[in-house]
Amino acid sequence: MLTNTDLSEVDKRIKKAISENNIKLFSVLASKKDLENYATKNDLQKSTDMIMGTLDRIYRVVKKNDEEQTVISHSVRDNKMRITKLEKAVFSN
């Protein structure tokens, strides 16, 4: 059976272990002062909004160019068919 002296010794060892672990834990965790140099949630939101706005403008330009390319492609196809018909008419004689 444990005596009061034994329990006291166990209590001291537990407190010492907890204290040593806390020191290690606090040396790893950042304080508010440590975090002052990092971006805040608002800073990240502003950056994200700016990036998304830029991507939106790029998307609109690419979409417009794609639509123009589609129109030009159809025009070229139509012109090719007309030229082929004209060539057949002119050179078949």
C-alpha atoms as a PDB file:
ATOM      1  CA  MET A   1       0.000   0.000   0.000  1.00  0.00           C
ATOM      2  CA  LEU A   2       1.158   3.527  -0.784  1.00  0.00           C
ATOM      3  CA  THR A   3       2.009   5.839   2.041  1.00  0.00           C
ATOM      4  CA  ASN A   4       1.551   9.592   2.146  1.00  0.00           C
ATOM      5  CA  THR A   5       5.262  10.022   1.387  1.00  0.00           C
ATOM      6  CA  ASP A   6       4.901   7.789  -1.696  1.00  0.00           C
ATOM      7  CA  LEU A   7       1.842   9.715  -2.862  1.00  0.00           C
ATOM      8  CA  SER A   8       3.658  12.997  -2.301  1.00  0.00           C
ATOM      9  CA  GLU A   9       6.610  11.756  -4.384  1.00  0.00           C
ATOM     10  CA  VAL A  10       4.255  10.619  -7.188  1.00  0.00           C
ATOM     11  CA  ASP A  11       2.515  13.999  -7.079  1.00  0.00           C
ATOM     12  CA  LYS A  12       5.865  15.837  -7.382  1.00  0.00           C
ATOM     13  CA  ARG A  13       6.915  13.707 -10.371  1.00  0.00           C
ATOM     14  CA  ILE A  14       3.580  14.254 -12.133  1.00  0.00           C
ATOM     15  CA  LYS A  15       3.791  18.038 -11.607  1.00  0.00           C
ATOM     16  CA  LYS A  16       7.379  18.057 -12.878  1.00  0.00           C
ATOM     17  CA  ALA A  17       6.442  16.059 -16.006  1.00  0.00           C
ATOM     18  CA  ILE A  18       3.480  18.326 -16.709  1.00  0.00           C
ATOM     19  CA  SER A  19       5.627  21.414 -16.205  1.00  0.00           C
ATOM     20  CA  GLU A  20       8.341  20.135 -18.573  1.00  0.00           C
ATOM     21  CA  ASN A  21       5.736  19.243 -21.209  1.00  0.00           C
ATOM     22  CA  ASN A  22       4.133  22.696 -20.913  1.00  0.00           C
ATOM     23  CA  ILE A  23       7.497  24.366 -21.468  1.00  0.00           C
ATOM     24  CA  LYS A  24       8.005  22.282 -24.628  1.00  0.00           C
ATOM     25  CA  LEU A  25       4.439  22.998 -25.758  1.00  0.00           C
ATOM     26  CA  PHE A  26       4.687  26.754 -25.233  1.00  0.00           C
ATOM     27  CA  SER A  27       7.979  26.895 -27.107  1.00  0.00           C
ATOM     28  CA  VAL A  28       6.224  25.419 -30.157  1.00  0.00           C
ATOM     29  CA  LEU A  29       3.023  27.503 -30.035  1.00  0.00           C
ATOM     30  CA  ALA A  30       2.965  31.001 -31.504  1.00  0.00           C
ATOM     31  CA  SER A  31       1.949  34.038 -29.502  1.00  0.00           C
ATOM     32  CA  LYS A  32      -0.116  36.990 -30.756  1.00  0.00           C
ATOM     33  CA  LYS A  33       3.092  38.953 -31.202  1.00  0.00           C
ATOM     34  CA  ASP A  34       4.539  36.152 -33.359  1.00  0.00           C
ATOM     35  CA  LEU A  35       1.433  36.209 -35.557  1.00  0.00           C
ATOM     36  CA  GLU A  36       1.523  39.970 -36.238  1.00  0.00           C
ATOM     37  CA  ASN A  37       3.767  39.430 -39.276  1.00  0.00           C
ATOM     38  CA  TYR A  38       1.371  37.008 -40.949  1.00  0.00           C
ATOM     39  CA  ALA A  39      -1.631  37.790 -43.135  1.00  0.00           C
ATOM     40  CA  THR A  40      -5.007  38.079 -41.474  1.00  0.00           C
ATOM     41  CA  LYS A  41      -8.237  36.553 -42.705  1.00  0.00           C
ATOM     42  CA  ASN A  42      -9.228  39.920 -44.193  1.00  0.00           C
ATOM     43  CA  ASP A  43      -5.882  40.233 -45.989  1.00  0.00           C
ATOM     44  CA  LEU A  44      -6.339  36.795 -47.505  1.00  0.00           C
ATOM     45  CA  GLN A  45      -9.920  37.617 -48.508  1.00  0.00           C
ATOM     46  CA  LYS A  46      -8.802  40.816 -50.253  1.00  0.00           C
ATOM     47  CA  SER A  47      -6.075  38.929 -52.115  1.00  0.00           C
ATOM     48  CA  THR A  48      -8.516  36.195 -53.106  1.00  0.00           C
ATOM     49  CA  ASP A  49     -11.036  38.780 -54.347  1.00  0.00           C
ATOM     50  CA  MET A  50      -8.344  40.507 -56.406  1.00  0.00           C
ATOM     51  CA  ILE A  51      -7.180  37.204 -57.932  1.00  0.00           C
ATOM     52  CA  MET A  52     -10.734  36.114 -58.714  1.00  0.00           C
ATOM     53  CA  GLY A  53     -11.453  39.492 -60.338  1.00  0.00           C
ATOM     54  CA  THR A  54      -8.366  39.130 -62.513  1.00  0.00           C
ATOM     55  CA  LEU A  55      -9.319  35.576 -63.461  1.00  0.00           C
ATOM     56  CA  ASP A  56     -12.821  36.768 -64.344  1.00  0.00           C
ATOM     57  CA  ARG A  57     -11.432  39.419 -66.700  1.00  0.00           C
ATOM     58  CA  ILE A  58      -9.087  36.871 -68.295  1.00  0.00           C
ATOM     59  CA  TYR A  59     -11.977  34.423 -68.724  1.00  0.00           C
ATOM     60  CA  ARG A  60     -14.079  37.090 -70.470  1.00  0.00           C
ATOM     61  CA  VAL A  61     -11.247  37.863 -72.900  1.00  0.00           C
ATOM     62  CA  VAL A  62     -10.650  34.186 -73.649  1.00  0.00           C
ATOM     63  CA  LYS A  63     -14.370  33.559 -74.127  1.00  0.00           C
ATOM     64  CA  LYS A  64     -14.649  36.537 -76.493  1.00  0.00           C
ATOM     65  CA  ASN A  65     -11.654  35.311 -78.501  1.00  0.00           C
ATOM     66  CA  ASP A  66     -13.159  31.822 -78.690  1.00  0.00           C
ATOM     67  CA  GLU A  67     -16.446  33.217 -79.976  1.00  0.00           C
ATOM     68  CA  GLU A  68     -14.610  35.320 -82.568  1.00  0.00           C
ATOM     69  CA  GLN A  69     -12.582  32.289 -83.630  1.00  0.00           C
ATOM     70  CA  THR A  70     -15.791  30.308 -84.101  1.00  0.00           C
ATOM     71  CA  VAL A  71     -17.272  33.042 -86.321  1.00  0.00           C
ATOM     72  CA  ILE A  72     -14.049  33.321 -88.347  1.00  0.00           C
ATOM     73  CA  SER A  73     -13.896  29.543 -88.721  1.00  0.00           C
ATOM     74  CA  HIS A  74     -17.408  29.474 -90.182  1.00  0.00           C
ATOM     75  CA  SER A  75     -16.557  32.350 -92.534  1.00  0.00           C
ATOM     76  CA  VAL A  76     -13.460  30.534 -93.769  1.00  0.00           C
ATOM     77  CA  ARG A  77     -15.462  27.352 -94.303  1.00  0.00           C
ATOM     78  CA  ASP A  78     -18.119  29.268 -96.257  1.00  0.00           C
ATOM     79  CA  ASN A  79     -15.448  31.010 -98.344  1.00  0.00           C
ATOM     80  CA  LYS A  80     -13.737  27.703 -99.021  1.00  0.00           C
ATOM     81  CA  MET A  81     -16.972  26.188-100.326  1.00  0.00           C
ATOM     82  CA  ARG A  82     -17.626  29.250-102.536  1.00  0.00           C
ATOM     83  CA  ILE A  83     -14.069  29.177-103.906  1.00  0.00           C
ATOM     84  CA  THR A  84     -14.358  25.464-104.663  1.00  0.00           C
ATOM     85  CA  LYS A  85     -17.606  26.053-106.575  1.00  0.00           C
ATOM     86  CA  LEU A  86     -16.034  28.933-108.519  1.00  0.00           C
ATOM     87  CA  GLU A  87     -12.944  26.874-109.342  1.00  0.00           C
ATOM     88  CA  LYS A  88     -15.088  24.024-110.619  1.00  0.00           C
ATOM     89  CA  ALA A  89     -17.104  26.429-112.755  1.00  0.00           C
ATOM     90  CA  VAL A  90     -14.065  28.243-114.169  1.00  0.00           C
ATOM     91  CA  PHE A  91     -11.704  25.331-114.694  1.00  0.00           C
ATOM     92  CA  SER A  92     -14.217  22.745-115.862  1.00  0.00           C
ATOM     93  CA  ASN A  93     -14.556  24.486-119.222  1.00  0.00           C
END
